[in-house]
């Protein structure tokens, strides 16, 4: 009996070491998506077995740390059951900080998947719970995520108000990564309101901070978003193209797969609008290749729709349909309502062109 217990203890200890190693690697590389992608199955397995090893809280924290990767890849069907368990744990342990963090994380995933009503409910709950705590860092994150949600829902006044709160907190904390994200969203809102001078000012500040911090992912993101403003609102396509090309160089050199598809998408649209359909197709096919490799199904769906429209313009109906059907299937696989609607509209345009 003693030998059996000794073996059982040894086996448990070995499993604990395995789980701890997986969680440590996740914490160290949570923004290094190629590394996380290579270790993904091991990390999910570690999260699954951790509660049996009396590591429930560690598993909950790991789910939160994995969430950005899950969101970027469009792995919503994996994320939500993990977050359900994490939420249950946070409720049981009566840890308000952890509960607010999980609610905020869950809300963010729901925004990305297009479930806006549930997302708003989660984020409002997170804000309510966090108000009993004195965590400016957590509050600024929740305000940022609420702001993003309100932008998507077209509630720009509410978005502006909560993002101003996030801005004040981020400045006081000196948190450059959060500050850049807030500035980008405020730039988007002010541009949408037609206040292009203020929008450019927000982007200029975000660009300066990203360049100084050396955060290559955010620098590429700022260059992409600033290019969008210059191209669509300020009517400066040449400058926009310069920023997108610089962003593409930064993203390629630093291996930032999460931003590359957006840059390739915009460069492809610019090429398509200028009549260079071959170059547009080249950009979008590269984007599709990156999305397939990284598992980024959200951007994959959009790029496939764009490729479908190129084939439609060339009267290549069969190839257009292949792209559009895959775009629809991909959008449905992640449950993204907006992208499903986009794919259905593109298929409707195809049927009209064919006279179906």
Foldseek 3Di string as FASTA:
>chain_A
DVVVVVVVVVVLVVLVVQLVVLLVVLVVCLQVQVVCVVCVVSNLVSLVCCVVSVNPVSSLVSLLSNLVLCLQLLVLVSSPVSLVSSLVVCVVVVPLVSNLSSLLSNLLSCVSLAVLVSSVVSLVVSCVSCVVPDDLVSQLSSLLSVLVSCVVVVVLVSSLVSLVSSCVSCVVVVPLVSNLSSLLSNLVSCVVVVNNVSSVVSLVVSCVSCVVVVVLLSNLVSLLSNLVCCVPPVVNNVSSLVSLVVSCVSCVVVVVLSNQLSSLQVVLVVCVVVVNNVSSLVSLVVSLVSSVVSSRLVSNLVSLQVVLVSCVVVVVLVSSVVSLVVSLVSSVVSNRPVSNVSSVVSVVVSCVSVVD
